[in-house]
Amino acid sequence: MGRSILRDKSFTFAVRVVRVFQHLQGARKEFVLSKQLLRSGTAIGALIREAEYAESKKDFIHKLSVAQKEANETVYWLDLLLATDYLTTDESSSLHQDVLELLKMLTSSIKTAKNDLSTNH
């Protein structure tokens, strides 16, 4: 299987989320919200990887749809961490842009897969 932009971007995003998690736990002593961000932010890429070996087109769509939900949840945790001053605007802005880009890419991939599914039946 060739390289996937979605796969690469989601992995890079997960690395950044892990680093923010480490910062929040170490410097900010925040242990609850940061763990939620870690879970949802790293799940995106894991689900995209799972989709690469989906058993069917429907399974592929399902896994990407769950990744889409995790990305949306990640936006929530980033917004909450910003609103509660655990992250500064500068700290959250780039992550926020990246996860919104992932959301757009996932939405596009899901639509394409659904269209492929409907035209092949």
PDB file of N, CA and C in Angstrom:
ATOM      1  N   MET A   1       0.844  -1.186   0.000  1.00  0.00           N
ATOM      2  CA  MET A   1       0.000   0.000   0.000  1.00  0.00           C
ATOM      3  C   MET A   1       0.885   1.244   0.000  1.00  0.00           C
ATOM      4  N   GLY A   2       0.565   2.213  -0.864  1.00  0.00           N
ATOM      5  CA  GLY A   2       1.356   3.431  -0.968  1.00  0.00           C
ATOM      6  C   GLY A   2       1.134   4.357   0.213  1.00  0.00           C
ATOM      7  N   ARG A   3       1.910   5.413   0.222  1.00  0.00           N
ATOM      8  CA  ARG A   3       1.780   6.397   1.290  1.00  0.00           C
ATOM      9  C   ARG A   3       0.459   7.140   1.134  1.00  0.00           C
ATOM     10  N   SER A   4      -0.142   7.451   2.234  1.00  0.00           N
ATOM     11  CA  SER A   4      -1.413   8.160   2.256  1.00  0.00           C
ATOM     12  C   SER A   4      -1.221   9.486   2.980  1.00  0.00           C
ATOM     13  N   ILE A   5      -1.679  10.551   2.360  1.00  0.00           N
ATOM     14  CA  ILE A   5      -1.592  11.872   2.999  1.00  0.00           C
ATOM     15  C   ILE A   5      -2.383  11.862   4.307  1.00  0.00           C
ATOM     16  N   LEU A   6      -3.561  11.260   4.281  1.00  0.00           N
ATOM     17  CA  LEU A   6      -4.389  11.188   5.490  1.00  0.00           C
ATOM     18  C   LEU A   6      -3.673  10.402   6.587  1.00  0.00           C
ATOM     19  N   ARG A   7      -3.077   9.291   6.212  1.00  0.00           N
ATOM     20  CA  ARG A   7      -2.325   8.477   7.180  1.00  0.00           C
ATOM     21  C   ARG A   7      -1.168   9.284   7.775  1.00  0.00           C
ATOM     22  N   ASP A   8      -0.400   9.932   6.927  1.00  0.00           N
ATOM     23  CA  ASP A   8       0.768  10.696   7.391  1.00  0.00           C
ATOM     24  C   ASP A   8       0.356  11.869   8.270  1.00  0.00           C
ATOM     25  N   LYS A   9      -0.652  12.609   7.842  1.00  0.00           N
ATOM     26  CA  LYS A   9      -1.095  13.778   8.618  1.00  0.00           C
ATOM     27  C   LYS A   9      -1.675  13.365   9.977  1.00  0.00           C
ATOM     28  N   SER A  10      -2.393  12.255   9.996  1.00  0.00           N
ATOM     29  CA  SER A  10      -2.973  11.816  11.262  1.00  0.00           C
ATOM     30  C   SER A  10      -1.887  11.330  12.225  1.00  0.00           C
ATOM     31  N   PHE A  11      -0.830  10.725  11.685  1.00  0.00           N
ATOM     32  CA  PHE A  11       0.270  10.281  12.544  1.00  0.00           C
ATOM     33  C   PHE A  11       1.031  11.487  13.103  1.00  0.00           C
ATOM     34  N   THR A  12       1.321  12.461  12.252  1.00  0.00           N
ATOM     35  CA  THR A  12       2.006  13.675  12.699  1.00  0.00           C
ATOM     36  C   THR A  12       1.169  14.396  13.749  1.00  0.00           C
ATOM     37  N   PHE A  13      -0.141  14.432  13.535  1.00  0.00           N
ATOM     38  CA  PHE A  13      -1.041  15.052  14.506  1.00  0.00           C
ATOM     39  C   PHE A  13      -0.988  14.304  15.833  1.00  0.00           C
ATOM     40  N   ALA A  14      -0.993  12.978  15.787  1.00  0.00           N
ATOM     41  CA  ALA A  14      -0.936  12.175  17.018  1.00  0.00           C
ATOM     42  C   ALA A  14       0.345  12.454  17.801  1.00  0.00           C
ATOM     43  N   VAL A  15       1.462  12.585  17.110  1.00  0.00           N
ATOM     44  CA  VAL A  15       2.726  12.910  17.777  1.00  0.00           C
ATOM     45  C   VAL A  15       2.611  14.252  18.481  1.00  0.00           C
ATOM     46  N   ARG A  16       2.010  15.225  17.811  1.00  0.00           N
ATOM     47  CA  ARG A  16       1.835  16.548  18.413  1.00  0.00           C
ATOM     48  C   ARG A  16       0.912  16.487  19.635  1.00  0.00           C
ATOM     49  N   VAL A  17      -0.126  15.678  19.545  1.00  0.00           N
ATOM     50  CA  VAL A  17      -1.054  15.525  20.677  1.00  0.00           C
ATOM     51  C   VAL A  17      -0.324  14.907  21.866  1.00  0.00           C
ATOM     52  N   VAL A  18       0.509  13.915  21.626  1.00  0.00           N
ATOM     53  CA  VAL A  18       1.284  13.301  22.715  1.00  0.00           C
ATOM     54  C   VAL A  18       2.176  14.351  23.372  1.00  0.00           C
ATOM     55  N   ARG A  19       2.781  15.200  22.581  1.00  0.00           N
ATOM     56  CA  ARG A  19       3.658  16.246  23.140  1.00  0.00           C
ATOM     57  C   ARG A  19       2.875  17.270  23.946  1.00  0.00           C
ATOM     58  N   VAL A  20       1.696  17.627  23.480  1.00  0.00           N
ATOM     59  CA  VAL A  20       0.848  18.561  24.238  1.00  0.00           C
ATOM     60  C   VAL A  20       0.399  17.897  25.542  1.00  0.00           C
ATOM     61  N   PHE A  21       0.054  16.626  25.468  1.00  0.00           N
ATOM     62  CA  PHE A  21      -0.312  15.864  26.665  1.00  0.00           C
ATOM     63  C   PHE A  21       0.836  15.901  27.679  1.00  0.00           C
ATOM     64  N   GLN A  22       2.049  15.659  27.235  1.00  0.00           N
ATOM     65  CA  GLN A  22       3.214  15.684  28.131  1.00  0.00           C
ATOM     66  C   GLN A  22       3.391  17.073  28.748  1.00  0.00           C
ATOM     67  N   HIS A  23       3.203  18.101  27.940  1.00  0.00           N
ATOM     68  CA  HIS A  23       3.313  19.483  28.430  1.00  0.00           C
ATOM     69  C   HIS A  23       2.237  19.784  29.478  1.00  0.00           C
ATOM     70  N   LEU A  24       0.996  19.393  29.173  1.00  0.00           N
ATOM     71  CA  LEU A  24      -0.097  19.663  30.105  1.00  0.00           C
ATOM     72  C   LEU A  24       0.088  18.930  31.425  1.00  0.00           C
ATOM     73  N   GLN A  25       0.560  17.704  31.371  1.00  0.00           N
ATOM     74  CA  GLN A  25       0.770  16.940  32.600  1.00  0.00           C
ATOM     75  C   GLN A  25       1.978  17.465  33.374  1.00  0.00           C
ATOM     76  N   GLY A  26       3.038  17.803  32.650  1.00  0.00           N
ATOM     77  CA  GLY A  26       4.263  18.246  33.321  1.00  0.00           C
ATOM     78  C   GLY A  26       4.207  19.685  33.800  1.00  0.00           C
ATOM     79  N   ALA A  27       4.029  20.616  32.873  1.00  0.00           N
ATOM     80  CA  ALA A  27       4.098  22.044  33.199  1.00  0.00           C
ATOM     81  C   ALA A  27       2.813  22.579  33.814  1.00  0.00           C
ATOM     82  N   ARG A  28       1.661  22.099  33.364  1.00  0.00           N
ATOM     83  CA  ARG A  28       0.386  22.655  33.819  1.00  0.00           C
ATOM     84  C   ARG A  28      -0.297  21.812  34.899  1.00  0.00           C
ATOM     85  N   LYS A  29       0.230  20.635  35.154  1.00  0.00           N
ATOM     86  CA  LYS A  29      -0.334  19.728  36.173  1.00  0.00           C
ATOM     87  C   LYS A  29      -1.823  19.471  35.937  1.00  0.00           C
ATOM     88  N   GLU A  30      -2.177  19.291  34.665  1.00  0.00           N
ATOM     89  CA  GLU A  30      -3.552  18.999  34.280  1.00  0.00           C
ATOM     90  C   GLU A  30      -3.590  17.533  33.853  1.00  0.00           C
ATOM     91  N   PHE A  31      -4.409  16.725  34.526  1.00  0.00           N
ATOM     92  CA  PHE A  31      -4.355  15.275  34.333  1.00  0.00           C
ATOM     93  C   PHE A  31      -5.626  14.655  33.752  1.00  0.00           C
ATOM     94  N   VAL A  32      -6.744  15.354  33.774  1.00  0.00           N
ATOM     95  CA  VAL A  32      -7.996  14.753  33.324  1.00  0.00           C
ATOM     96  C   VAL A  32      -8.301  15.115  31.871  1.00  0.00           C
ATOM     97  N   LEU A  33      -8.402  16.395  31.584  1.00  0.00           N
ATOM     98  CA  LEU A  33      -8.721  16.837  30.227  1.00  0.00           C
ATOM     99  C   LEU A  33      -7.636  16.421  29.238  1.00  0.00           C
ATOM    100  N   SER A  34      -6.391  16.497  29.674  1.00  0.00           N
ATOM    101  CA  SER A  34      -5.279  16.140  28.788  1.00  0.00           C
ATOM    102  C   SER A  34      -5.335  14.672  28.383  1.00  0.00           C
ATOM    103  N   LYS A  35      -5.797  13.821  29.291  1.00  0.00           N
ATOM    104  CA  LYS A  35      -5.915  12.394  28.958  1.00  0.00           C
ATOM    105  C   LYS A  35      -7.020  12.174  27.932  1.00  0.00           C
ATOM    106  N   GLN A  36      -8.097  12.942  28.027  1.00  0.00           N
ATOM    107  CA  GLN A  36      -9.170  12.859  27.038  1.00  0.00           C
ATOM    108  C   GLN A  36      -8.657  13.285  25.658  1.00  0.00           C
ATOM    109  N   LEU A  37      -7.884  14.374  25.637  1.00  0.00           N
ATOM    110  CA  LEU A  37      -7.295  14.849  24.384  1.00  0.00           C
ATOM    111  C   LEU A  37      -6.361  13.790  23.801  1.00  0.00           C
ATOM    112  N   LEU A  38      -5.553  13.186  24.655  1.00  0.00           N
ATOM    113  CA  LEU A  38      -4.625  12.146  24.218  1.00  0.00           C
ATOM    114  C   LEU A  38      -5.390  10.983  23.585  1.00  0.00           C
ATOM    115  N   ARG A  39      -6.449  10.546  24.243  1.00  0.00           N
ATOM    116  CA  ARG A  39      -7.210   9.399  23.761  1.00  0.00           C
ATOM    117  C   ARG A  39      -7.851   9.684  22.399  1.00  0.00           C
ATOM    118  N   SER A  40      -8.571  10.795  22.305  1.00  0.00           N
ATOM    119  CA  SER A  40      -9.277  11.075  21.050  1.00  0.00           C
ATOM    120  C   SER A  40      -8.312  11.492  19.936  1.00  0.00           C
ATOM    121  N   GLY A  41      -7.296  12.256  20.287  1.00  0.00           N
ATOM    122  CA  GLY A  41      -6.357  12.753  19.269  1.00  0.00           C
ATOM    123  C   GLY A  41      -5.487  11.676  18.651  1.00  0.00           C
ATOM    124  N   THR A  42      -5.179  10.641  19.419  1.00  0.00           N
ATOM    125  CA  THR A  42      -4.371   9.547  18.875  1.00  0.00           C
ATOM    126  C   THR A  42      -5.249   8.476  18.232  1.00  0.00           C
ATOM    127  N   ALA A  43      -6.514   8.409  18.612  1.00  0.00           N
ATOM    128  CA  ALA A  43      -7.426   7.420  18.031  1.00  0.00           C
ATOM    129  C   ALA A  43      -7.683   7.685  16.549  1.00  0.00           C
ATOM    130  N   ILE A  44      -7.602   8.939  16.141  1.00  0.00           N
ATOM    131  CA  ILE A  44      -7.870   9.294  14.744  1.00  0.00           C
ATOM    132  C   ILE A  44      -6.964   8.488  13.813  1.00  0.00           C
ATOM    133  N   GLY A  45      -5.674   8.572  14.046  1.00  0.00           N
ATOM    134  CA  GLY A  45      -4.718   7.860  13.196  1.00  0.00           C
ATOM    135  C   GLY A  45      -4.823   6.362  13.319  1.00  0.00           C
ATOM    136  N   ALA A  46      -5.099   5.877  14.518  1.00  0.00           N
ATOM    137  CA  ALA A  46      -5.240   4.429  14.713  1.00  0.00           C
ATOM    138  C   ALA A  46      -6.414   3.895  13.895  1.00  0.00           C
ATOM    139  N   LEU A  47      -7.503   4.620  13.862  1.00  0.00           N
ATOM    140  CA  LEU A  47      -8.670   4.192  13.091  1.00  0.00           C
ATOM    141  C   LEU A  47      -8.422   4.279  11.586  1.00  0.00           C
ATOM    142  N   ILE A  48      -7.670   5.278  11.177  1.00  0.00           N
ATOM    143  CA  ILE A  48      -7.310   5.387   9.763  1.00  0.00           C
ATOM    144  C   ILE A  48      -6.437   4.197   9.365  1.00  0.00           C
ATOM    145  N   ARG A  49      -5.524   3.809  10.237  1.00  0.00           N
ATOM    146  CA  ARG A  49      -4.703   2.620   9.976  1.00  0.00           C
ATOM    147  C   ARG A  49      -5.564   1.368   9.906  1.00  0.00           C
ATOM    148  N   GLU A  50      -6.532   1.256  10.812  1.00  0.00           N
ATOM    149  CA  GLU A  50      -7.437   0.105  10.779  1.00  0.00           C
ATOM    150  C   GLU A  50      -8.203   0.060   9.461  1.00  0.00           C
ATOM    151  N   ALA A  51      -8.607   1.214   8.974  1.00  0.00           N
ATOM    152  CA  ALA A  51      -9.387   1.276   7.734  1.00  0.00           C
ATOM    153  C   ALA A  51      -8.589   0.760   6.535  1.00  0.00           C
ATOM    154  N   GLU A  52      -7.272   0.856   6.598  1.00  0.00           N
ATOM    155  CA  GLU A  52      -6.439   0.383   5.494  1.00  0.00           C
ATOM    156  C   GLU A  52      -6.638  -1.109   5.239  1.00  0.00           C
ATOM    157  N   TYR A  53      -6.997  -1.848   6.259  1.00  0.00           N
ATOM    158  CA  TYR A  53      -7.207  -3.289   6.137  1.00  0.00           C
ATOM    159  C   TYR A  53      -8.655  -3.664   6.422  1.00  0.00           C
ATOM    160  N   ALA A  54      -9.546  -2.774   6.043  1.00  0.00           N
ATOM    161  CA  ALA A  54     -10.972  -3.033   6.258  1.00  0.00           C
ATOM    162  C   ALA A  54     -11.400  -4.284   5.491  1.00  0.00           C
ATOM    163  N   GLU A  55     -12.370  -4.968   6.045  1.00  0.00           N
ATOM    164  CA  GLU A  55     -12.869  -6.208   5.446  1.00  0.00           C
ATOM    165  C   GLU A  55     -13.770  -5.951   4.243  1.00  0.00           C
ATOM    166  N   SER A  56     -14.314  -4.756   4.156  1.00  0.00           N
ATOM    167  CA  SER A  56     -15.214  -4.409   3.058  1.00  0.00           C
ATOM    168  C   SER A  56     -15.245  -2.891   2.930  1.00  0.00           C
ATOM    169  N   LYS A  57     -15.885  -2.413   1.872  1.00  0.00           N
ATOM    170  CA  LYS A  57     -16.045  -0.964   1.688  1.00  0.00           C
ATOM    171  C   LYS A  57     -16.883  -0.381   2.832  1.00  0.00           C
ATOM    172  N   LYS A  58     -17.905  -1.134   3.274  1.00  0.00           N
ATOM    173  CA  LYS A  58     -18.738  -0.658   4.392  1.00  0.00           C
ATOM    174  C   LYS A  58     -17.916  -0.566   5.677  1.00  0.00           C
ATOM    175  N   ASP A  59     -17.042  -1.540   5.901  1.00  0.00           N
ATOM    176  CA  ASP A  59     -16.172  -1.529   7.081  1.00  0.00           C
ATOM    177  C   ASP A  59     -15.203  -0.341   7.004  1.00  0.00           C
ATOM    178  N   PHE A  60     -14.675  -0.075   5.805  1.00  0.00           N
ATOM    179  CA  PHE A  60     -13.787   1.062   5.576  1.00  0.00           C
ATOM    180  C   PHE A  60     -14.494   2.370   5.939  1.00  0.00           C
ATOM    181  N   ILE A  61     -15.711   2.522   5.432  1.00  0.00           N
ATOM    182  CA  ILE A  61     -16.500   3.731   5.710  1.00  0.00           C
ATOM    183  C   ILE A  61     -16.773   3.854   7.210  1.00  0.00           C
ATOM    184  N   HIS A  62     -17.113   2.734   7.841  1.00  0.00           N
ATOM    185  CA  HIS A  62     -17.390   2.752   9.277  1.00  0.00           C
ATOM    186  C   HIS A  62     -16.160   3.209  10.076  1.00  0.00           C
ATOM    187  N   LYS A  63     -15.002   2.665   9.778  1.00  0.00           N
ATOM    188  CA  LYS A  63     -13.791   3.021  10.523  1.00  0.00           C
ATOM    189  C   LYS A  63     -13.431   4.495  10.319  1.00  0.00           C
ATOM    190  N   LEU A  64     -13.557   4.977   9.082  1.00  0.00           N
ATOM    191  CA  LEU A  64     -13.289   6.396   8.845  1.00  0.00           C
ATOM    192  C   LEU A  64     -14.328   7.277   9.531  1.00  0.00           C
ATOM    193  N   SER A  65     -15.563   6.799   9.611  1.00  0.00           N
ATOM    194  CA  SER A  65     -16.611   7.567  10.305  1.00  0.00           C
ATOM    195  C   SER A  65     -16.328   7.673  11.799  1.00  0.00           C
ATOM    196  N   VAL A  66     -15.821   6.604  12.383  1.00  0.00           N
ATOM    197  CA  VAL A  66     -15.452   6.651  13.806  1.00  0.00           C
ATOM    198  C   VAL A  66     -14.256   7.591  13.987  1.00  0.00           C
ATOM    199  N   ALA A  67     -13.302   7.565  13.054  1.00  0.00           N
ATOM    200  CA  ALA A  67     -12.162   8.492  13.110  1.00  0.00           C
ATOM    201  C   ALA A  67     -12.658   9.938  13.031  1.00  0.00           C
ATOM    202  N   GLN A  68     -13.661  10.172  12.198  1.00  0.00           N
ATOM    203  CA  GLN A  68     -14.259  11.499  12.064  1.00  0.00           C
ATOM    204  C   GLN A  68     -14.869  11.951  13.402  1.00  0.00           C
ATOM    205  N   LYS A  69     -15.551  11.048  14.078  1.00  0.00           N
ATOM    206  CA  LYS A  69     -16.129  11.366  15.388  1.00  0.00           C
ATOM    207  C   LYS A  69     -15.043  11.677  16.409  1.00  0.00           C
ATOM    208  N   GLU A  70     -13.958  10.916  16.374  1.00  0.00           N
ATOM    209  CA  GLU A  70     -12.836  11.165  17.291  1.00  0.00           C
ATOM    210  C   GLU A  70     -12.204  12.520  17.003  1.00  0.00           C
ATOM    211  N   ALA A  71     -12.105  12.886  15.742  1.00  0.00           N
ATOM    212  CA  ALA A  71     -11.553  14.198  15.379  1.00  0.00           C
ATOM    213  C   ALA A  71     -12.447  15.312  15.901  1.00  0.00           C
ATOM    214  N   ASN A  72     -13.748  15.139  15.757  1.00  0.00           N
ATOM    215  CA  ASN A  72     -14.684  16.138  16.277  1.00  0.00           C
ATOM    216  C   ASN A  72     -14.583  16.238  17.795  1.00  0.00           C
ATOM    217  N   GLU A  73     -14.436  15.101  18.465  1.00  0.00           N
ATOM    218  CA  GLU A  73     -14.263  15.122  19.917  1.00  0.00           C
ATOM    219  C   GLU A  73     -12.960  15.838  20.294  1.00  0.00           C
ATOM    220  N   THR A  74     -11.928  15.641  19.513  1.00  0.00           N
ATOM    221  CA  THR A  74     -10.647  16.298  19.766  1.00  0.00           C
ATOM    222  C   THR A  74     -10.792  17.813  19.694  1.00  0.00           C
ATOM    223  N   VAL A  75     -11.587  18.294  18.740  1.00  0.00           N
ATOM    224  CA  VAL A  75     -11.867  19.735  18.651  1.00  0.00           C
ATOM    225  C   VAL A  75     -12.483  20.215  19.962  1.00  0.00           C
ATOM    226  N   TYR A  76     -13.412  19.443  20.498  1.00  0.00           N
ATOM    227  CA  TYR A  76     -14.052  19.802  21.766  1.00  0.00           C
ATOM    228  C   TYR A  76     -13.024  19.938  22.888  1.00  0.00           C
ATOM    229  N   TRP A  77     -12.142  18.936  23.035  1.00  0.00           N
ATOM    230  CA  TRP A  77     -11.160  18.987  24.121  1.00  0.00           C
ATOM    231  C   TRP A  77     -10.190  20.142  23.934  1.00  0.00           C
ATOM    232  N   LEU A  78      -9.787  20.417  22.708  1.00  0.00           N
ATOM    233  CA  LEU A  78      -8.915  21.570  22.461  1.00  0.00           C
ATOM    234  C   LEU A  78      -9.620  22.869  22.830  1.00  0.00           C
ATOM    235  N   ASP A  79     -10.886  22.985  22.440  1.00  0.00           N
ATOM    236  CA  ASP A  79     -11.668  24.184  22.788  1.00  0.00           C
ATOM    237  C   ASP A  79     -11.797  24.338  24.298  1.00  0.00           C
ATOM    238  N   LEU A  80     -12.057  23.240  24.983  1.00  0.00           N
ATOM    239  CA  LEU A  80     -12.210  23.281  26.440  1.00  0.00           C
ATOM    240  C   LEU A  80     -10.891  23.635  27.126  1.00  0.00           C
ATOM    241  N   LEU A  81      -9.798  23.063  26.660  1.00  0.00           N
ATOM    242  CA  LEU A  81      -8.482  23.384  27.243  1.00  0.00           C
ATOM    243  C   LEU A  81      -8.113  24.843  27.005  1.00  0.00           C
ATOM    244  N   LEU A  82      -8.516  25.388  25.872  1.00  0.00           N
ATOM    245  CA  LEU A  82      -8.289  26.805  25.597  1.00  0.00           C
ATOM    246  C   LEU A  82      -9.170  27.680  26.485  1.00  0.00           C
ATOM    247  N   ALA A  83     -10.446  27.322  26.584  1.00  0.00           N
ATOM    248  CA  ALA A  83     -11.404  28.118  27.369  1.00  0.00           C
ATOM    249  C   ALA A  83     -11.079  28.124  28.859  1.00  0.00           C
ATOM    250  N   THR A  84     -10.404  27.090  29.332  1.00  0.00           N
ATOM    251  CA  THR A  84     -10.062  27.002  30.755  1.00  0.00           C
ATOM    252  C   THR A  84      -8.615  27.406  31.036  1.00  0.00           C
ATOM    253  N   ASP A  85      -7.982  27.998  30.034  1.00  0.00           N
ATOM    254  CA  ASP A  85      -6.632  28.563  30.147  1.00  0.00           C
ATOM    255  C   ASP A  85      -5.525  27.540  30.404  1.00  0.00           C
ATOM    256  N   TYR A  86      -5.789  26.267  30.087  1.00  0.00           N
ATOM    257  CA  TYR A  86      -4.700  25.291  30.151  1.00  0.00           C
ATOM    258  C   TYR A  86      -3.825  25.379  28.908  1.00  0.00           C
ATOM    259  N   LEU A  87      -4.419  25.811  27.796  1.00  0.00           N
ATOM    260  CA  LEU A  87      -3.668  26.076  26.586  1.00  0.00           C
ATOM    261  C   LEU A  87      -3.855  27.529  26.200  1.00  0.00           C
ATOM    262  N   THR A  88      -2.798  28.131  25.690  1.00  0.00           N
ATOM    263  CA  THR A  88      -2.910  29.493  25.169  1.00  0.00           C
ATOM    264  C   THR A  88      -3.442  29.419  23.734  1.00  0.00           C
ATOM    265  N   THR A  89      -3.858  30.552  23.217  1.00  0.00           N
ATOM    266  CA  THR A  89      -4.324  30.607  21.831  1.00  0.00           C
ATOM    267  C   THR A  89      -3.227  30.124  20.892  1.00  0.00           C
ATOM    268  N   ASP A  90      -2.001  30.549  21.126  1.00  0.00           N
ATOM    269  CA  ASP A  90      -0.886  30.111  20.284  1.00  0.00           C
ATOM    270  C   ASP A  90      -0.683  28.600  20.360  1.00  0.00           C
ATOM    271  N   GLU A  91      -0.795  28.038  21.551  1.00  0.00           N
ATOM    272  CA  GLU A  91      -0.592  26.596  21.725  1.00  0.00           C
ATOM    273  C   GLU A  91      -1.685  25.781  21.032  1.00  0.00           C
ATOM    274  N   SER A  92      -2.905  26.268  21.051  1.00  0.00           N
ATOM    275  CA  SER A  92      -4.016  25.480  20.508  1.00  0.00           C
ATOM    276  C   SER A  92      -4.298  25.758  19.031  1.00  0.00           C
ATOM    277  N   SER A  93      -3.924  26.910  18.539  1.00  0.00           N
ATOM    278  CA  SER A  93      -4.297  27.332  17.185  1.00  0.00           C
ATOM    279  C   SER A  93      -3.848  26.360  16.100  1.00  0.00           C
ATOM    280  N   SER A  94      -2.587  26.000  16.110  1.00  0.00           N
ATOM    281  CA  SER A  94      -2.048  25.114  15.079  1.00  0.00           C
ATOM    282  C   SER A  94      -2.659  23.714  15.157  1.00  0.00           C
ATOM    283  N   LEU A  95      -2.822  23.208  16.380  1.00  0.00           N
ATOM    284  CA  LEU A  95      -3.467  21.900  16.558  1.00  0.00           C
ATOM    285  C   LEU A  95      -4.906  21.947  16.069  1.00  0.00           C
ATOM    286  N   HIS A  96      -5.580  23.018  16.370  1.00  0.00           N
ATOM    287  CA  HIS A  96      -6.970  23.196  15.969  1.00  0.00           C
ATOM    288  C   HIS A  96      -7.070  23.189  14.442  1.00  0.00           C
ATOM    289  N   GLN A  97      -6.194  23.921  13.779  1.00  0.00           N
ATOM    290  CA  GLN A  97      -6.186  23.947  12.312  1.00  0.00           C
ATOM    291  C   GLN A  97      -5.924  22.558  11.747  1.00  0.00           C
ATOM    292  N   ASP A  98      -4.975  21.839  12.341  1.00  0.00           N
ATOM    293  CA  ASP A  98      -4.630  20.506  11.853  1.00  0.00           C
ATOM    294  C   ASP A  98      -5.788  19.525  11.998  1.00  0.00           C
ATOM    295  N   VAL A  99      -6.473  19.560  13.133  1.00  0.00           N
ATOM    296  CA  VAL A  99      -7.573  18.610  13.328  1.00  0.00           C
ATOM    297  C   VAL A  99      -8.759  18.977  12.427  1.00  0.00           C
ATOM    298  N   LEU A 100      -8.968  20.261  12.172  1.00  0.00           N
ATOM    299  CA  LEU A 100     -10.026  20.647  11.234  1.00  0.00           C
ATOM    300  C   LEU A 100      -9.693  20.189   9.815  1.00  0.00           C
ATOM    301  N   GLU A 101      -8.420  20.237   9.458  1.00  0.00           N
ATOM    302  CA  GLU A 101      -7.992  19.722   8.152  1.00  0.00           C
ATOM    303  C   GLU A 101      -8.226  18.209   8.070  1.00  0.00           C
ATOM    304  N   LEU A 102      -7.899  17.502   9.152  1.00  0.00           N
ATOM    305  CA  LEU A 102      -8.163  16.064   9.187  1.00  0.00           C
ATOM    306  C   LEU A 102      -9.660  15.775   9.049  1.00  0.00           C
ATOM    307  N   LEU A 103     -10.483  16.558   9.726  1.00  0.00           N
ATOM    308  CA  LEU A 103     -11.935  16.392   9.621  1.00  0.00           C
ATOM    309  C   LEU A 103     -12.406  16.557   8.177  1.00  0.00           C
ATOM    310  N   LYS A 104     -11.901  17.572   7.498  1.00  0.00           N
ATOM    311  CA  LYS A 104     -12.280  17.801   6.101  1.00  0.00           C
ATOM    312  C   LYS A 104     -11.837  16.643   5.216  1.00  0.00           C
ATOM    313  N   MET A 105     -10.620  16.162   5.440  1.00  0.00           N
ATOM    314  CA  MET A 105     -10.103  15.048   4.648  1.00  0.00           C
ATOM    315  C   MET A 105     -10.907  13.774   4.901  1.00  0.00           C
ATOM    316  N   LEU A 106     -11.238  13.527   6.151  1.00  0.00           N
ATOM    317  CA  LEU A 106     -12.039  12.353   6.487  1.00  0.00           C
ATOM    318  C   LEU A 106     -13.427  12.448   5.856  1.00  0.00           C
ATOM    319  N   THR A 107     -14.051  13.597   5.948  1.00  0.00           N
ATOM    320  CA  THR A 107     -15.374  13.802   5.367  1.00  0.00           C
ATOM    321  C   THR A 107     -15.330  13.545   3.861  1.00  0.00           C
ATOM    322  N   SER A 108     -14.318  14.066   3.202  1.00  0.00           N
ATOM    323  CA  SER A 108     -14.164  13.868   1.764  1.00  0.00           C
ATOM    324  C   SER A 108     -13.950  12.390   1.420  1.00  0.00           C
ATOM    325  N   SER A 109     -13.108  11.720   2.196  1.00  0.00           N
ATOM    326  CA  SER A 109     -12.827  10.295   1.958  1.00  0.00           C
ATOM    327  C   SER A 109     -14.079   9.445   2.151  1.00  0.00           C
ATOM    328  N   ILE A 110     -14.854   9.776   3.179  1.00  0.00           N
ATOM    329  CA  ILE A 110     -16.094   9.037   3.451  1.00  0.00           C
ATOM    330  C   ILE A 110     -17.089   9.243   2.308  1.00  0.00           C
ATOM    331  N   LYS A 111     -17.235  10.485   1.853  1.00  0.00           N
ATOM    332  CA  LYS A 111     -18.162  10.770   0.751  1.00  0.00           C
ATOM    333  C   LYS A 111     -17.752  10.015  -0.509  1.00  0.00           C
ATOM    334  N   THR A 112     -16.462  10.026  -0.817  1.00  0.00           N
ATOM    335  CA  THR A 112     -15.961   9.316  -1.989  1.00  0.00           C
ATOM    336  C   THR A 112     -16.229   7.821  -1.878  1.00  0.00           C
ATOM    337  N   ALA A 113     -15.941   7.252  -0.706  1.00  0.00           N
ATOM    338  CA  ALA A 113     -16.166   5.819  -0.497  1.00  0.00           C
ATOM    339  C   ALA A 113     -17.652   5.471  -0.603  1.00  0.00           C
ATOM    340  N   LYS A 114     -18.507   6.328  -0.070  1.00  0.00           N
ATOM    341  CA  LYS A 114     -19.955   6.083  -0.166  1.00  0.00           C
ATOM    342  C   LYS A 114     -20.425   6.146  -1.617  1.00  0.00           C
ATOM    343  N   ASN A 115     -19.888   7.106  -2.367  1.00  0.00           N
ATOM    344  CA  ASN A 115     -20.241   7.217  -3.780  1.00  0.00           C
ATOM    345  C   ASN A 115     -19.771   5.983  -4.546  1.00  0.00           C
ATOM    346  N   ASP A 116     -18.560   5.513  -4.257  1.00  0.00           N
ATOM    347  CA  ASP A 116     -18.036   4.299  -4.878  1.00  0.00           C
ATOM    348  C   ASP A 116     -18.921   3.103  -4.555  1.00  0.00           C
ATOM    349  N   LEU A 117     -19.347   3.040  -3.314  1.00  0.00           N
ATOM    350  CA  LEU A 117     -20.184   1.921  -2.864  1.00  0.00           C
ATOM    351  C   LEU A 117     -21.524   1.920  -3.601  1.00  0.00           C
ATOM    352  N   SER A 118     -22.120   3.112  -3.728  1.00  0.00           N
ATOM    353  CA  SER A 118     -23.444   3.185  -4.374  1.00  0.00           C
ATOM    354  C   SER A 118     -23.352   2.956  -5.881  1.00  0.00           C
ATOM    355  N   THR A 119     -22.255   3.312  -6.522  1.00  0.00           N
ATOM    356  CA  THR A 119     -22.131   3.103  -7.959  1.00  0.00           C
ATOM    357  C   THR A 119     -21.747   1.668  -8.303  1.00  0.00           C
ATOM    358  N   ASN A 120     -21.231   0.930  -7.339  1.00  0.00           N
ATOM    359  CA  ASN A 120     -20.835  -0.467  -7.574  1.00  0.00           C
ATOM    360  C   ASN A 120     -21.937  -1.442  -7.213  1.00  0.00           C
ATOM    361  N   HIS A 121     -23.088  -0.947  -6.780  1.00  0.00           N
ATOM    362  CA  HIS A 121     -24.193  -1.839  -6.428  1.00  0.00           C
ATOM    363  C   HIS A 121     -25.366  -1.643  -7.324  1.00  0.00           C
TER     364      HIS A 121
END
